[in-house]
Amino acid sequence: MKKKFNELINNANSKRNNTYYKLNQLPKITGLSIRMLKYKMVKIKEKYAGVTSLLEKDGKQWKIHYSIINEFMPINKRKTYTENNYDWQSFVSWNPFENYDKEYHQYLIYQIKNQMPDKYIKYTIELDGRGYNHVHFITDAQLPEVKTIVENVIYRYFSWNEISFEATTIINKYSSVNYTNKAPIITEII
């Protein structure tokens, strides 16, 4: 049964982006030492045994798929944080149906930031397929708080049928941070 399950997982993952990391590249991403990462690897290699599309031994090195980097993130609070291992909680995106300049989007972000001054926001403004500016941001605020604040700001300037908006809880922090770095016109942490 497990063999069939692993075949299905490997088949589904064969169509994904094939970005792999080695264990010695993870300290920069996670903020953990190699020794701690090796301890985590003991459990992770049991969990993903047979799923070669996500975790595979290549000689003496492990090939770790980017989608399971979250498994290596620290559990306890860190003394020092990196952008990747910070405690990001919520992911927000909006895309107006008409084009607005980047300064307008920045103004909206600063309006949101003013309503939660003790929280961090990492945002990116980028172009969509139509060439229109849109925003993605991550924050350390909890989803209910973020959703309420963003809705109040967004719907002050747009009606519901002029913009698409989404706010979700972050499940995979590394992928969320990576997504905010993909193709920015502007990116900043405030």
C-alpha atoms as a PDB file:
ATOM      1  CA  MET A   1       0.000   0.000   0.000  1.00  0.00           C
ATOM      2  CA  LYS A   2       2.806   2.445   0.936  1.00  0.00           C
ATOM      3  CA  LYS A   3       4.651   1.592  -2.283  1.00  0.00           C
ATOM      4  CA  LYS A   4       1.585   2.494  -4.374  1.00  0.00           C
ATOM      5  CA  PHE A   5       1.148   5.716  -2.376  1.00  0.00           C
ATOM      6  CA  ASN A   6       4.801   6.674  -2.970  1.00  0.00           C
ATOM      7  CA  GLU A   7       4.393   6.017  -6.717  1.00  0.00           C
ATOM      8  CA  LEU A   8       1.367   8.334  -6.814  1.00  0.00           C
ATOM      9  CA  ILE A   9       3.224  11.071  -4.913  1.00  0.00           C
ATOM     10  CA  ASN A  10       6.303  10.767  -7.136  1.00  0.00           C
ATOM     11  CA  ASN A  11       4.137  10.872 -10.263  1.00  0.00           C
ATOM     12  CA  ALA A  12       2.267  13.982  -9.058  1.00  0.00           C
ATOM     13  CA  ASN A  13       5.514  15.719  -8.077  1.00  0.00           C
ATOM     14  CA  SER A  14       7.198  14.969 -11.400  1.00  0.00           C
ATOM     15  CA  LYS A  15       5.329  17.922 -12.937  1.00  0.00           C
ATOM     16  CA  ARG A  16       6.481  20.399 -10.253  1.00  0.00           C
ATOM     17  CA  ASN A  17       9.394  22.790 -10.301  1.00  0.00           C
ATOM     18  CA  ASN A  18      12.537  20.745  -9.656  1.00  0.00           C
ATOM     19  CA  THR A  19      14.452  23.017  -7.284  1.00  0.00           C
ATOM     20  CA  TYR A  20      16.554  21.068  -4.816  1.00  0.00           C
ATOM     21  CA  TYR A  21      18.802  22.068  -1.941  1.00  0.00           C
ATOM     22  CA  LYS A  22      21.590  20.264  -0.158  1.00  0.00           C
ATOM     23  CA  LEU A  23      21.650  19.991   3.619  1.00  0.00           C
ATOM     24  CA  ASN A  24      24.665  22.319   3.841  1.00  0.00           C
ATOM     25  CA  GLN A  25      22.632  25.073   2.110  1.00  0.00           C
ATOM     26  CA  LEU A  26      19.864  25.034   4.730  1.00  0.00           C
ATOM     27  CA  PRO A  27      21.622  26.877   7.610  1.00  0.00           C
ATOM     28  CA  LYS A  28      21.324  30.143   5.687  1.00  0.00           C
ATOM     29  CA  ILE A  29      17.615  29.527   5.064  1.00  0.00           C
ATOM     30  CA  THR A  30      16.584  28.136   8.457  1.00  0.00           C
ATOM     31  CA  GLY A  31      19.054  29.746  10.834  1.00  0.00           C
ATOM     32  CA  LEU A  32      19.824  26.307  12.318  1.00  0.00           C
ATOM     33  CA  SER A  33      23.239  24.693  12.598  1.00  0.00           C
ATOM     34  CA  ILE A  34      24.267  21.731  10.445  1.00  0.00           C
ATOM     35  CA  ARG A  35      24.207  19.554  13.543  1.00  0.00           C
ATOM     36  CA  MET A  36      20.592  20.468  14.320  1.00  0.00           C
ATOM     37  CA  LEU A  37      19.612  19.963  10.679  1.00  0.00           C
ATOM     38  CA  LYS A  38      21.136  16.466  10.762  1.00  0.00           C
ATOM     39  CA  TYR A  39      18.982  15.641  13.807  1.00  0.00           C
ATOM     40  CA  LYS A  40      15.900  16.824  11.929  1.00  0.00           C
ATOM     41  CA  MET A  41      16.978  14.821   8.860  1.00  0.00           C
ATOM     42  CA  VAL A  42      16.652  11.558  10.836  1.00  0.00           C
ATOM     43  CA  LYS A  43      12.870  12.049  11.185  1.00  0.00           C
ATOM     44  CA  ILE A  44      12.378  13.629   7.782  1.00  0.00           C
ATOM     45  CA  LYS A  45      14.070  10.801   5.876  1.00  0.00           C
ATOM     46  CA  GLU A  46      11.741   8.313   7.617  1.00  0.00           C
ATOM     47  CA  LYS A  47       8.713  10.432   6.757  1.00  0.00           C
ATOM     48  CA  TYR A  48       9.646  10.776   3.071  1.00  0.00           C
ATOM     49  CA  ALA A  49      11.165   7.305   2.575  1.00  0.00           C
ATOM     50  CA  GLY A  50      10.421   6.203  -0.975  1.00  0.00           C
ATOM     51  CA  VAL A  51       9.275   9.648  -2.132  1.00  0.00           C
ATOM     52  CA  THR A  52      12.309  10.307  -4.304  1.00  0.00           C
ATOM     53  CA  SER A  53      10.777  13.370  -5.940  1.00  0.00           C
ATOM     54  CA  LEU A  54      10.964  15.195  -2.589  1.00  0.00           C
ATOM     55  CA  LEU A  55      13.952  13.664  -0.803  1.00  0.00           C
ATOM     56  CA  GLU A  56      16.673  11.594  -2.402  1.00  0.00           C
ATOM     57  CA  LYS A  57      20.190  10.518  -1.491  1.00  0.00           C
ATOM     58  CA  ASP A  58      22.639  11.453  -4.246  1.00  0.00           C
ATOM     59  CA  GLY A  59      25.955   9.865  -3.297  1.00  0.00           C
ATOM     60  CA  LYS A  60      26.811  11.341   0.110  1.00  0.00           C
ATOM     61  CA  GLN A  61      24.507  14.364  -0.352  1.00  0.00           C
ATOM     62  CA  TRP A  62      20.773  14.681   0.175  1.00  0.00           C
ATOM     63  CA  LYS A  63      18.663  16.342  -2.521  1.00  0.00           C
ATOM     64  CA  ILE A  64      15.883  18.156  -0.643  1.00  0.00           C
ATOM     65  CA  HIS A  65      12.966  19.513  -2.682  1.00  0.00           C
ATOM     66  CA  TYR A  66      12.117  23.162  -1.972  1.00  0.00           C
ATOM     67  CA  SER A  67       8.537  22.256  -0.993  1.00  0.00           C
ATOM     68  CA  ILE A  68       9.675  20.383   2.142  1.00  0.00           C
ATOM     69  CA  ILE A  69      12.141  23.029   3.405  1.00  0.00           C
ATOM     70  CA  ASN A  70       9.418  23.992   5.883  1.00  0.00           C
ATOM     71  CA  GLU A  71      10.056  20.665   7.663  1.00  0.00           C
ATOM     72  CA  PHE A  72      13.524  21.963   8.604  1.00  0.00           C
ATOM     73  CA  MET A  73      12.379  25.293  10.051  1.00  0.00           C
ATOM     74  CA  PRO A  74      12.979  25.889  13.761  1.00  0.00           C
ATOM     75  CA  ILE A  75      10.176  25.024  16.154  1.00  0.00           C
ATOM     76  CA  ASN A  76      11.255  27.256  19.033  1.00  0.00           C
ATOM     77  CA  LYS A  77      11.693  31.018  18.926  1.00  0.00           C
ATOM     78  CA  ARG A  78      15.113  32.091  17.720  1.00  0.00           C
ATOM     79  CA  LYS A  79      17.451  34.681  19.244  1.00  0.00           C
ATOM     80  CA  THR A  80      18.141  35.966  15.749  1.00  0.00           C
ATOM     81  CA  TYR A  81      15.816  35.807  12.800  1.00  0.00           C
ATOM     82  CA  THR A  82      16.356  35.712   9.090  1.00  0.00           C
ATOM     83  CA  GLU A  83      13.730  36.631   6.549  1.00  0.00           C
ATOM     84  CA  ASN A  84      13.123  32.916   5.927  1.00  0.00           C
ATOM     85  CA  ASN A  85      12.733  31.701   9.503  1.00  0.00           C
ATOM     86  CA  TYR A  86      10.786  34.694  10.850  1.00  0.00           C
ATOM     87  CA  ASP A  87       7.354  33.907  12.280  1.00  0.00           C
ATOM     88  CA  TRP A  88       5.273  35.018   9.283  1.00  0.00           C
ATOM     89  CA  GLN A  89       1.587  34.236   9.837  1.00  0.00           C
ATOM     90  CA  SER A  90      -0.541  35.619   6.982  1.00  0.00           C
ATOM     91  CA  PHE A  91      -0.295  35.995   3.204  1.00  0.00           C
ATOM     92  CA  VAL A  92      -2.308  38.680   1.381  1.00  0.00           C
ATOM     93  CA  SER A  93      -2.726  39.446  -2.327  1.00  0.00           C
ATOM     94  CA  TRP A  94      -4.784  41.964  -4.219  1.00  0.00           C
ATOM     95  CA  ASN A  95      -5.114  42.715  -7.899  1.00  0.00           C
ATOM     96  CA  PRO A  96      -7.327  45.563  -9.166  1.00  0.00           C
ATOM     97  CA  PHE A  97      -9.151  45.059 -12.464  1.00  0.00           C
ATOM     98  CA  GLU A  98      -7.753  48.395 -13.696  1.00  0.00           C
ATOM     99  CA  ASN A  99      -4.091  49.440 -13.632  1.00  0.00           C
ATOM    100  CA  TYR A 100      -2.837  51.662 -10.788  1.00  0.00           C
ATOM    101  CA  ASP A 101       0.734  52.873 -10.385  1.00  0.00           C
ATOM    102  CA  LYS A 102       3.093  51.406  -7.797  1.00  0.00           C
ATOM    103  CA  GLU A 103       2.893  54.549  -5.624  1.00  0.00           C
ATOM    104  CA  TYR A 104      -0.863  54.008  -5.237  1.00  0.00           C
ATOM    105  CA  HIS A 105      -0.293  50.425  -4.062  1.00  0.00           C
ATOM    106  CA  GLN A 106       2.437  51.611  -1.674  1.00  0.00           C
ATOM    107  CA  TYR A 107      -0.003  54.158  -0.258  1.00  0.00           C
ATOM    108  CA  LEU A 108      -2.491  51.345   0.462  1.00  0.00           C
ATOM    109  CA  ILE A 109       0.226  49.244   2.118  1.00  0.00           C
ATOM    110  CA  TYR A 110       1.262  52.151   4.345  1.00  0.00           C
ATOM    111  CA  GLN A 111      -2.403  52.666   5.287  1.00  0.00           C
ATOM    112  CA  ILE A 112      -2.519  49.010   6.381  1.00  0.00           C
ATOM    113  CA  LYS A 113       0.803  49.300   8.244  1.00  0.00           C
ATOM    114  CA  ASN A 114      -0.472  52.370  10.148  1.00  0.00           C
ATOM    115  CA  GLN A 115      -3.304  50.253  11.555  1.00  0.00           C
ATOM    116  CA  MET A 116      -0.903  47.583  12.860  1.00  0.00           C
ATOM    117  CA  PRO A 117       2.276  49.491  13.803  1.00  0.00           C
ATOM    118  CA  ASP A 118       3.768  46.709  15.941  1.00  0.00           C
ATOM    119  CA  LYS A 119       3.663  44.157  13.101  1.00  0.00           C
ATOM    120  CA  TYR A 120       6.069  43.609  10.217  1.00  0.00           C
ATOM    121  CA  ILE A 121       5.013  43.511   6.578  1.00  0.00           C
ATOM    122  CA  LYS A 122       7.151  42.247   3.700  1.00  0.00           C
ATOM    123  CA  TYR A 123       5.522  43.296   0.476  1.00  0.00           C
ATOM    124  CA  THR A 124       6.183  43.123  -3.217  1.00  0.00           C
ATOM    125  CA  ILE A 125       4.552  44.987  -6.062  1.00  0.00           C
ATOM    126  CA  GLU A 126       4.792  43.199  -9.383  1.00  0.00           C
ATOM    127  CA  LEU A 127       3.214  43.063 -12.833  1.00  0.00           C
ATOM    128  CA  ASP A 128       0.604  40.482 -13.773  1.00  0.00           C
ATOM    129  CA  GLY A 129       0.125  38.981 -17.237  1.00  0.00           C
ATOM    130  CA  ARG A 130      -1.822  42.045 -18.401  1.00  0.00           C
ATOM    131  CA  GLY A 131       0.984  44.400 -17.321  1.00  0.00           C
ATOM    132  CA  TYR A 132      -1.051  45.680 -14.336  1.00  0.00           C
ATOM    133  CA  ASN A 133       0.518  46.232 -10.924  1.00  0.00           C
ATOM    134  CA  HIS A 134      -0.627  44.023  -8.076  1.00  0.00           C
ATOM    135  CA  VAL A 135       0.528  43.300  -4.500  1.00  0.00           C
ATOM    136  CA  HIS A 136       1.537  40.302  -2.402  1.00  0.00           C
ATOM    137  CA  PHE A 137       2.570  40.664   1.214  1.00  0.00           C
ATOM    138  CA  ILE A 138       3.322  38.545   4.241  1.00  0.00           C
ATOM    139  CA  THR A 139       2.972  39.684   7.817  1.00  0.00           C
ATOM    140  CA  ASP A 140       3.426  38.421  11.353  1.00  0.00           C
ATOM    141  CA  ALA A 141      -0.140  39.422  12.272  1.00  0.00           C
ATOM    142  CA  GLN A 142      -2.828  36.771  12.689  1.00  0.00           C
ATOM    143  CA  LEU A 143      -5.261  36.226   9.801  1.00  0.00           C
ATOM    144  CA  PRO A 144      -8.469  37.602  11.393  1.00  0.00           C
ATOM    145  CA  GLU A 145      -6.746  40.876  12.308  1.00  0.00           C
ATOM    146  CA  VAL A 146      -5.067  41.219   8.901  1.00  0.00           C
ATOM    147  CA  LYS A 147      -8.192  40.374   6.942  1.00  0.00           C
ATOM    148  CA  THR A 148     -10.275  42.965   8.799  1.00  0.00           C
ATOM    149  CA  ILE A 149      -7.675  45.722   8.401  1.00  0.00           C
ATOM    150  CA  VAL A 150      -6.975  44.984   4.723  1.00  0.00           C
ATOM    151  CA  GLU A 151     -10.680  44.810   3.874  1.00  0.00           C
ATOM    152  CA  ASN A 152     -11.284  48.162   5.597  1.00  0.00           C
ATOM    153  CA  VAL A 153      -8.464  49.826   3.661  1.00  0.00           C
ATOM    154  CA  ILE A 154      -9.076  48.155   0.288  1.00  0.00           C
ATOM    155  CA  TYR A 155     -12.829  48.663   0.267  1.00  0.00           C
ATOM    156  CA  ARG A 156     -12.400  52.310   1.235  1.00  0.00           C
ATOM    157  CA  TYR A 157     -10.815  52.872  -2.205  1.00  0.00           C
ATOM    158  CA  PHE A 158     -12.366  50.095  -4.324  1.00  0.00           C
ATOM    159  CA  SER A 159     -15.792  48.538  -4.559  1.00  0.00           C
ATOM    160  CA  TRP A 160     -15.964  44.745  -4.283  1.00  0.00           C
ATOM    161  CA  ASN A 161     -16.284  44.335  -8.060  1.00  0.00           C
ATOM    162  CA  GLU A 162     -13.174  46.418  -8.900  1.00  0.00           C
ATOM    163  CA  ILE A 163     -10.539  44.254  -7.204  1.00  0.00           C
ATOM    164  CA  SER A 164      -9.729  40.640  -6.394  1.00  0.00           C
ATOM    165  CA  PHE A 165      -8.409  40.152  -2.870  1.00  0.00           C
ATOM    166  CA  GLU A 166      -7.283  37.105  -0.888  1.00  0.00           C
ATOM    167  CA  ALA A 167      -5.902  36.606   2.617  1.00  0.00           C
ATOM    168  CA  THR A 168      -4.783  33.215   3.954  1.00  0.00           C
ATOM    169  CA  THR A 169      -2.815  31.670   6.768  1.00  0.00           C
ATOM    170  CA  ILE A 170       0.738  30.729   5.819  1.00  0.00           C
ATOM    171  CA  ILE A 171       1.367  26.992   5.850  1.00  0.00           C
ATOM    172  CA  ASN A 172       4.756  26.866   4.130  1.00  0.00           C
ATOM    173  CA  LYS A 173       6.800  29.888   5.271  1.00  0.00           C
ATOM    174  CA  TYR A 174       9.752  29.305   2.980  1.00  0.00           C
ATOM    175  CA  SER A 175       7.586  29.119  -0.130  1.00  0.00           C
ATOM    176  CA  SER A 176       5.655  32.235   0.919  1.00  0.00           C
ATOM    177  CA  VAL A 177       8.843  34.253   1.412  1.00  0.00           C
ATOM    178  CA  ASN A 178      10.174  32.922  -1.887  1.00  0.00           C
ATOM    179  CA  TYR A 179       6.933  33.888  -3.643  1.00  0.00           C
ATOM    180  CA  THR A 180       7.270  37.502  -2.484  1.00  0.00           C
ATOM    181  CA  ASN A 181      10.740  37.579  -4.084  1.00  0.00           C
ATOM    182  CA  LYS A 182       9.784  36.110  -7.476  1.00  0.00           C
ATOM    183  CA  ALA A 183       9.430  39.142  -9.806  1.00  0.00           C
ATOM    184  CA  PRO A 184       9.231  42.389  -7.871  1.00  0.00           C
ATOM    185  CA  ILE A 185       9.094  45.921  -9.145  1.00  0.00           C
ATOM    186  CA  ILE A 186       9.368  46.997  -5.504  1.00  0.00           C
ATOM    187  CA  THR A 187       9.963  44.835  -2.442  1.00  0.00           C
ATOM    188  CA  GLU A 188      10.427  46.058   1.102  1.00  0.00           C
ATOM    189  CA  ILE A 189      10.016  45.065   4.735  1.00  0.00           C
ATOM    190  CA  ILE A 190       8.292  47.691   6.855  1.00  0.00           C
END
